[in-house]
Amino acid sequence: MHTGLQAVTTEIQKAVVGKQDVIKKILMAILARGHILLDDVPGVGKTTLALALSRSLGLICRRIQFTPDVMPSDIVGFSVYNRETGQFEYRPGVVNGTNLLLGDEINRTSSRTQSALLEAMEEGQVTVDGNTYPLPEPFIVIATQNNVGTAGTQLLPYAQMDRFLVRLSVGYPDFEAQMGILRDRQRTDPLESVARVVSREDVLTMQRESQAVVSQDSILAYITRLAMASREHPMTELGISPRGALFLDRMAKARAYLLGRDFVIPEDVQAVFQDVSAHRVLLSQKARLAGYTVTSVLEDLLRQVSVPDGAGA
C-alpha cells in the first residue's frame, strides 16, 4: 500500500475498530475525487470515521444533521442587507470553508435542500443571488441515509444517487471488534489519539497522482462493455450511466494507486464494481418478482463480460 495512505489507515483504526476494508474504500473514493454515500443504521461509527479521516488527512471537517426543516440556505449560505453600507453581504453556509462534509440522514430532508447540495457536489461551488462562490479543494461529501422504511425517510432521487461515487455500508462490528470498542472507551476517547499524518496539500497531490494512473484502451473497453451490458440486461430497467462508467474508471485507478501501481488491471475494475454500480442499477418489476437482487445481476455481468488479457491490460 502507498506509504502515506498506510499511515492514514493506521491512525483511523485507532478510533474505528475492525473496518479496514471500508476505510480503504473511502480512501480510494477520496483519491478519485468522489463523494460517498453510507447506507447504514445509526450508531455504527459513521461520525467517528469521518472525524478520524479529517484529522489524519489534515482536512477541515463539518457536520450537518439533515431534518425536514433544514433549508437550502443552511447549505449554500444567504445574502443579508447591511443598513450601514447599503449593500447585501454574503453569509456562508456549512459547505463554505469545508473539506470534508458529513451530512447525516440526507434522506430525511426536503428535495429542495438535497438539490442545493447537488451543485456543491458536482461543481465544487455554490451560487447565491447570482454570485458564485468556489469551495475549497478537496471538497468531499460523506452522506448517510437510514434504511428506507424508517419513519420520516424517503428514497433519494436517482439523479442524486448517481452523484455519489460509491455507496458503502459500515455494518455492525463482530465480537472481537465490539469488545475492542468497549475496552478502548473505558477511560479515554480514541479520537484524541488520532494524529495528522498527511496534509491537505498531500491529499491534493495524491489525487493528481491517482488521476495520472494509466487505463489502457483494453481496460476502458472492459468498463464500456460492463456499462452497456448493465443497460441491456433483461432484468434491469436502468443500467450504469455514462457518469457511472467514468466513476468506475476513477475508482479503479485509485485502487491501483493505493496498491502501488501506475496502471489499472482488470482486477481493479472488478474489485470496485459493486460499490460503484449497485446504486445506479434499477431492477425491473419482473426481476424483483423473480427474486433477483442488484448484487446478483452485477455478479452475472462480471461472469458474462469478457475480461481483457495481460497484467498491464
Protein backbone atom coordinates (compact mmCIF):
# COMPACT_ATOMS: atom_id res chain seq x y z
CA MET A 1 0.00 0.00 0.00
CA HIS A 2 1.07 3.61 -0.61
CA THR A 3 3.18 4.65 2.42
CA GLY A 4 1.24 7.82 3.28
CA LEU A 5 -2.13 6.07 2.94
CA GLN A 6 -0.93 3.17 5.09
CA ALA A 7 -0.12 5.68 7.83
CA VAL A 8 -3.59 7.24 7.44
CA THR A 9 -5.24 3.81 7.72
CA THR A 10 -3.26 3.06 10.88
CA GLU A 11 -4.36 6.32 12.51
CA ILE A 12 -8.04 5.85 11.59
CA GLN A 13 -8.02 2.34 13.03
CA LYS A 14 -7.17 3.81 16.42
CA ALA A 15 -10.74 5.14 16.52
CA VAL A 16 -12.58 2.79 14.13
CA VAL A 17 -12.03 -0.85 15.01
CA GLY A 18 -12.31 -3.76 12.58
CA LYS A 19 -13.33 -1.84 9.45
CA GLN A 20 -10.12 -1.81 7.39
CA ASP A 21 -11.92 -2.71 4.14
CA VAL A 22 -14.38 0.19 4.48
CA ILE A 23 -11.57 2.59 5.39
CA LYS A 24 -9.62 1.60 2.27
CA LYS A 25 -12.67 2.08 0.04
CA ILE A 26 -13.34 5.54 1.48
CA LEU A 27 -9.69 6.49 0.94
CA MET A 28 -9.99 5.28 -2.66
CA ALA A 29 -13.10 7.42 -3.14
CA ILE A 30 -11.24 10.46 -1.81
CA LEU A 31 -8.33 9.76 -4.17
CA ALA A 32 -10.88 9.54 -7.01
CA ARG A 33 -12.33 12.94 -6.01
CA GLY A 34 -15.75 11.42 -5.38
CA HIS A 35 -18.48 11.57 -2.78
CA ILE A 36 -19.50 8.70 -0.51
CA LEU A 37 -22.97 7.50 0.49
CA LEU A 38 -23.09 5.40 3.66
CA ASP A 39 -26.30 3.38 3.73
CA ASP A 40 -26.42 2.22 7.32
CA VAL A 41 -28.21 2.03 10.63
CA PRO A 42 -27.47 4.61 13.37
CA GLY A 43 -24.70 4.08 15.89
CA VAL A 44 -22.13 2.14 13.85
CA GLY A 45 -19.44 4.85 13.94
CA LYS A 46 -20.02 6.90 10.80
CA THR A 47 -19.35 10.23 12.52
CA THR A 48 -16.30 8.84 14.29
CA LEU A 49 -14.98 7.55 10.96
CA ALA A 50 -15.42 10.97 9.29
CA LEU A 51 -13.72 12.80 12.16
CA ALA A 52 -10.81 10.34 12.21
CA LEU A 53 -10.44 10.76 8.44
CA SER A 54 -10.35 14.53 8.65
CA ARG A 55 -7.80 14.54 11.49
CA SER A 56 -5.41 12.09 9.86
CA LEU A 57 -5.68 13.83 6.46
CA GLY A 58 -5.36 17.37 7.82
CA LEU A 59 -8.78 18.39 6.46
CA ILE A 60 -11.43 20.75 7.83
CA CYS A 61 -14.50 18.69 8.75
CA ARG A 62 -18.03 19.88 9.45
CA ARG A 63 -21.23 18.01 10.16
CA ILE A 64 -24.86 18.79 9.42
CA GLN A 65 -27.86 16.84 10.68
CA PHE A 66 -30.47 16.78 7.93
CA THR A 67 -34.05 17.21 9.13
CA PRO A 68 -37.23 18.29 7.30
CA ASP A 69 -36.72 21.92 8.40
CA VAL A 70 -33.12 22.29 7.12
CA MET A 71 -33.20 24.97 4.41
CA PRO A 72 -31.10 25.30 1.23
CA SER A 73 -29.57 28.45 2.72
CA ASP A 74 -28.17 26.33 5.56
CA ILE A 75 -26.15 24.52 2.91
CA VAL A 76 -25.09 27.25 0.47
CA GLY A 77 -25.44 30.42 2.57
CA PHE A 78 -27.57 33.51 2.04
CA SER A 79 -27.38 37.28 1.48
CA VAL A 80 -28.39 39.76 4.17
CA TYR A 81 -28.85 43.53 3.81
CA ASN A 82 -26.43 45.71 5.76
CA ARG A 83 -28.11 49.02 6.59
CA GLU A 84 -24.82 50.75 7.35
CA THR A 85 -23.22 50.01 3.98
CA GLY A 86 -26.40 49.76 1.94
CA GLN A 87 -25.07 46.52 0.45
CA PHE A 88 -26.07 42.88 0.61
CA GLU A 89 -23.49 40.74 2.38
CA TYR A 90 -22.96 37.02 1.90
CA ARG A 91 -23.24 34.79 4.94
CA PRO A 92 -21.57 31.43 4.20
CA GLY A 93 -23.33 28.08 4.58
CA VAL A 94 -21.99 24.84 6.01
CA VAL A 95 -20.17 23.85 2.79
CA ASN A 96 -18.06 27.01 2.65
CA GLY A 97 -14.56 26.52 4.02
CA THR A 98 -15.15 22.78 4.42
CA ASN A 99 -13.01 19.96 3.00
CA LEU A 100 -14.98 17.05 4.41
CA LEU A 101 -18.73 17.45 4.99
CA LEU A 102 -20.58 14.78 6.93
CA GLY A 103 -24.27 15.01 6.09
CA ASP A 104 -26.25 12.80 8.44
CA GLU A 105 -29.56 11.27 7.27
CA ILE A 106 -29.71 13.00 3.91
CA ASN A 107 -32.95 11.21 3.08
CA ARG A 108 -34.78 13.00 5.90
CA THR A 109 -34.56 16.47 4.35
CA SER A 110 -36.57 18.11 1.58
CA SER A 111 -35.81 17.72 -2.12
CA ARG A 112 -35.02 21.48 -2.33
CA THR A 113 -32.31 21.11 0.31
CA GLN A 114 -30.95 17.97 -1.36
CA SER A 115 -30.79 19.89 -4.66
CA ALA A 116 -28.83 22.70 -3.00
CA LEU A 117 -26.19 20.15 -2.07
CA LEU A 118 -26.02 18.80 -5.63
CA GLU A 119 -24.34 21.88 -7.14
CA ALA A 120 -21.71 21.85 -4.42
CA MET A 121 -21.04 18.15 -5.00
CA GLU A 122 -20.99 18.35 -8.79
CA GLU A 123 -19.46 21.76 -9.47
CA GLY A 124 -17.31 22.47 -6.41
CA GLN A 125 -19.07 25.82 -6.00
CA VAL A 126 -22.32 27.40 -4.80
CA THR A 127 -24.38 30.17 -6.36
CA VAL A 128 -26.36 32.63 -4.24
CA ASP A 129 -28.25 35.60 -5.72
CA GLY A 130 -26.32 35.32 -8.96
CA ASN A 131 -22.91 35.26 -7.28
CA THR A 132 -20.71 32.17 -7.42
CA TYR A 133 -18.51 31.14 -4.51
CA PRO A 134 -15.88 28.42 -5.04
CA LEU A 135 -15.43 25.72 -2.44
CA PRO A 136 -12.01 24.71 -1.10
CA GLU A 137 -10.14 21.75 -2.53
CA PRO A 138 -10.57 18.98 -1.82
CA PHE A 139 -14.31 19.00 -1.14
CA ILE A 140 -15.73 15.61 -0.22
CA VAL A 141 -19.24 14.79 1.00
CA ILE A 142 -19.84 11.74 3.16
CA ALA A 143 -23.62 11.44 3.37
CA THR A 144 -25.52 8.89 5.41
CA GLN A 145 -29.03 7.63 4.96
CA ASN A 146 -31.24 5.40 7.06
CA ASN A 147 -32.76 2.32 5.59
CA VAL A 148 -35.90 3.19 3.66
CA GLY A 149 -38.96 2.33 5.69
CA THR A 150 -37.66 4.12 8.77
CA ALA A 151 -40.16 6.78 9.87
CA GLY A 152 -39.64 10.13 8.14
CA THR A 153 -37.36 8.89 5.35
CA GLN A 154 -37.82 8.79 1.59
CA LEU A 155 -35.92 7.40 -1.36
CA LEU A 156 -33.23 9.66 -2.80
CA PRO A 157 -33.93 10.57 -6.44
CA TYR A 158 -31.94 8.53 -8.96
CA ALA A 159 -30.24 11.70 -10.25
CA GLN A 160 -28.89 12.41 -6.78
CA MET A 161 -27.83 8.83 -6.13
CA ASP A 162 -25.84 8.99 -9.38
CA ARG A 163 -23.78 11.89 -7.99
CA PHE A 164 -22.22 9.63 -5.38
CA LEU A 165 -19.10 7.77 -6.45
CA VAL A 166 -19.72 4.81 -4.14
CA ARG A 167 -22.35 3.51 -1.77
CA LEU A 168 -20.89 1.68 1.21
CA SER A 169 -22.04 0.15 4.48
CA VAL A 170 -20.01 0.24 7.69
CA GLY A 171 -22.05 -2.52 9.28
CA TYR A 172 -22.09 -3.87 12.81
CA PRO A 173 -18.75 -4.92 14.36
CA ASP A 174 -18.01 -8.58 15.01
CA PHE A 175 -17.50 -9.88 18.56
CA GLU A 176 -13.78 -9.06 18.83
CA ALA A 177 -14.23 -5.59 17.33
CA GLN A 178 -17.14 -4.83 19.67
CA MET A 179 -15.04 -5.92 22.65
CA GLY A 180 -12.21 -3.68 21.42
CA ILE A 181 -14.57 -0.71 21.15
CA LEU A 182 -15.76 -1.23 24.73
CA ARG A 183 -12.22 -1.60 26.09
CA ASP A 184 -10.84 1.43 24.24
CA ARG A 185 -13.55 3.72 25.60
CA GLN A 186 -13.32 2.79 29.27
CA ARG A 187 -11.24 5.86 30.16
CA THR A 188 -10.44 7.89 27.03
CA ASP A 189 -11.83 8.84 23.63
CA PRO A 190 -9.70 7.10 20.94
CA LEU A 191 -10.31 10.05 18.60
CA GLU A 192 -7.98 12.12 20.78
CA SER A 193 -5.08 9.84 19.83
CA VAL A 194 -5.61 10.20 16.05
CA ALA A 195 -2.79 12.33 14.65
CA ARG A 196 -2.38 14.14 11.35
CA VAL A 197 0.00 12.16 9.17
CA VAL A 198 -0.53 13.95 5.84
CA SER A 199 -1.59 17.49 4.91
CA ARG A 200 -4.31 18.89 2.69
CA GLU A 201 -1.64 19.60 0.07
CA ASP A 202 -0.54 15.95 0.26
CA VAL A 203 -4.13 14.85 -0.38
CA LEU A 204 -4.34 17.06 -3.47
CA THR A 205 -1.01 15.67 -4.72
CA MET A 206 -2.20 12.09 -4.22
CA GLN A 207 -5.42 12.88 -6.08
CA ARG A 208 -3.41 14.17 -9.04
CA GLU A 209 -1.12 11.13 -8.95
CA SER A 210 -4.13 8.81 -8.81
CA GLN A 211 -5.65 10.56 -11.82
CA ALA A 212 -2.39 10.02 -13.71
CA VAL A 213 -2.59 6.22 -13.31
CA VAL A 214 -2.89 4.69 -16.80
CA SER A 215 -6.03 2.93 -18.02
CA GLN A 216 -5.19 1.28 -21.32
CA ASP A 217 -7.81 1.12 -24.08
CA SER A 218 -8.45 -2.53 -23.24
CA ILE A 219 -9.45 -1.51 -19.70
CA LEU A 220 -11.66 1.31 -20.99
CA ALA A 221 -13.28 -1.15 -23.40
CA TYR A 222 -13.88 -3.54 -20.47
CA ILE A 223 -15.59 -0.79 -18.47
CA THR A 224 -17.66 0.17 -21.52
CA ARG A 225 -18.77 -3.44 -22.07
CA LEU A 226 -19.80 -3.74 -18.41
CA ALA A 227 -21.79 -0.48 -18.57
CA MET A 228 -23.54 -1.40 -21.82
CA ALA A 229 -24.29 -4.93 -20.62
CA SER A 230 -25.94 -3.47 -17.50
CA ARG A 231 -28.25 -1.39 -19.71
CA GLU A 232 -29.12 -4.35 -21.94
CA HIS A 233 -29.57 -6.94 -19.17
CA PRO A 234 -33.12 -8.40 -19.29
CA MET A 235 -33.59 -7.85 -15.56
CA THR A 236 -32.67 -4.13 -15.42
CA GLU A 237 -34.81 -1.07 -16.00
CA LEU A 238 -31.85 1.34 -15.76
CA GLY A 239 -28.20 0.44 -16.11
CA ILE A 240 -24.90 2.12 -15.34
CA SER A 241 -24.90 5.73 -16.54
CA PRO A 242 -22.04 7.34 -18.51
CA ARG A 243 -21.12 9.15 -15.28
CA GLY A 244 -21.06 5.78 -13.54
CA ALA A 245 -18.62 4.42 -16.15
CA LEU A 246 -16.36 7.45 -15.60
CA PHE A 247 -16.52 6.90 -11.83
CA LEU A 248 -15.71 3.21 -12.28
CA ASP A 249 -12.52 4.15 -14.15
CA ARG A 250 -11.56 6.72 -11.49
CA MET A 251 -12.17 4.28 -8.65
CA ALA A 252 -10.17 1.54 -10.39
CA LYS A 253 -7.28 3.99 -10.82
CA ALA A 254 -7.47 4.86 -7.13
CA ARG A 255 -7.28 1.18 -6.19
CA ALA A 256 -4.25 0.68 -8.42
CA TYR A 257 -2.59 3.74 -6.86
CA LEU A 258 -3.41 2.54 -3.34
CA LEU A 259 -1.68 -0.76 -4.15
CA GLY A 260 1.39 0.97 -5.58
CA ARG A 261 0.77 0.50 -9.31
CA ASP A 262 0.75 3.14 -12.04
CA PHE A 263 -1.58 1.19 -14.32
CA VAL A 264 -5.02 -0.41 -13.98
CA ILE A 265 -5.61 -4.15 -14.30
CA PRO A 266 -8.99 -5.93 -14.70
CA GLU A 267 -8.94 -6.95 -11.02
CA ASP A 268 -9.07 -3.27 -10.04
CA VAL A 269 -12.28 -2.81 -12.01
CA GLN A 270 -13.80 -6.00 -10.63
CA ALA A 271 -12.91 -5.14 -7.02
CA VAL A 272 -14.78 -1.80 -7.05
CA PHE A 273 -17.56 -2.74 -9.49
CA GLN A 274 -20.27 -3.48 -6.89
CA ASP A 275 -19.57 -0.40 -4.75
CA VAL A 276 -19.60 1.97 -7.74
CA SER A 277 -22.50 0.38 -9.62
CA ALA A 278 -25.07 -1.04 -7.18
CA HIS A 279 -26.85 2.27 -6.53
CA ARG A 280 -27.00 3.11 -10.26
CA VAL A 281 -28.80 -0.03 -11.41
CA LEU A 282 -32.58 -0.29 -11.12
CA LEU A 283 -34.17 -3.71 -11.44
CA SER A 284 -37.28 -4.30 -13.49
CA GLN A 285 -40.51 -5.37 -11.80
CA LYS A 286 -40.07 -8.79 -13.38
CA ALA A 287 -36.65 -9.14 -11.74
CA ARG A 288 -37.95 -8.16 -8.30
CA LEU A 289 -40.84 -10.63 -8.54
CA ALA A 290 -38.42 -13.36 -9.59
CA GLY A 291 -36.23 -12.71 -6.53
CA TYR A 292 -33.28 -11.11 -8.29
CA THR A 293 -31.11 -8.60 -6.42
CA VAL A 294 -28.85 -5.87 -7.80
CA THR A 295 -25.88 -7.75 -6.37
CA SER A 296 -26.78 -10.95 -8.22
CA VAL A 297 -27.28 -9.07 -11.51
CA LEU A 298 -23.89 -7.35 -11.18
CA GLU A 299 -22.26 -10.70 -10.40
CA ASP A 300 -23.85 -12.03 -13.61
CA LEU A 301 -22.29 -9.17 -15.56
CA LEU A 302 -18.83 -9.88 -14.16
CA ARG A 303 -19.18 -13.53 -15.19
CA GLN A 304 -20.58 -12.81 -18.67
CA VAL A 305 -18.49 -9.88 -19.89
CA SER A 306 -15.17 -10.84 -21.43
CA VAL A 307 -12.08 -9.85 -19.41
CA PRO A 308 -9.01 -8.37 -21.17
CA ASP A 309 -5.81 -10.40 -21.06
CA GLY A 310 -2.46 -9.29 -19.67
CA ALA A 311 -1.40 -7.74 -16.33
CA GLY A 312 -0.89 -4.33 -17.89
CA ALA A 313 -4.10 -4.73 -19.90
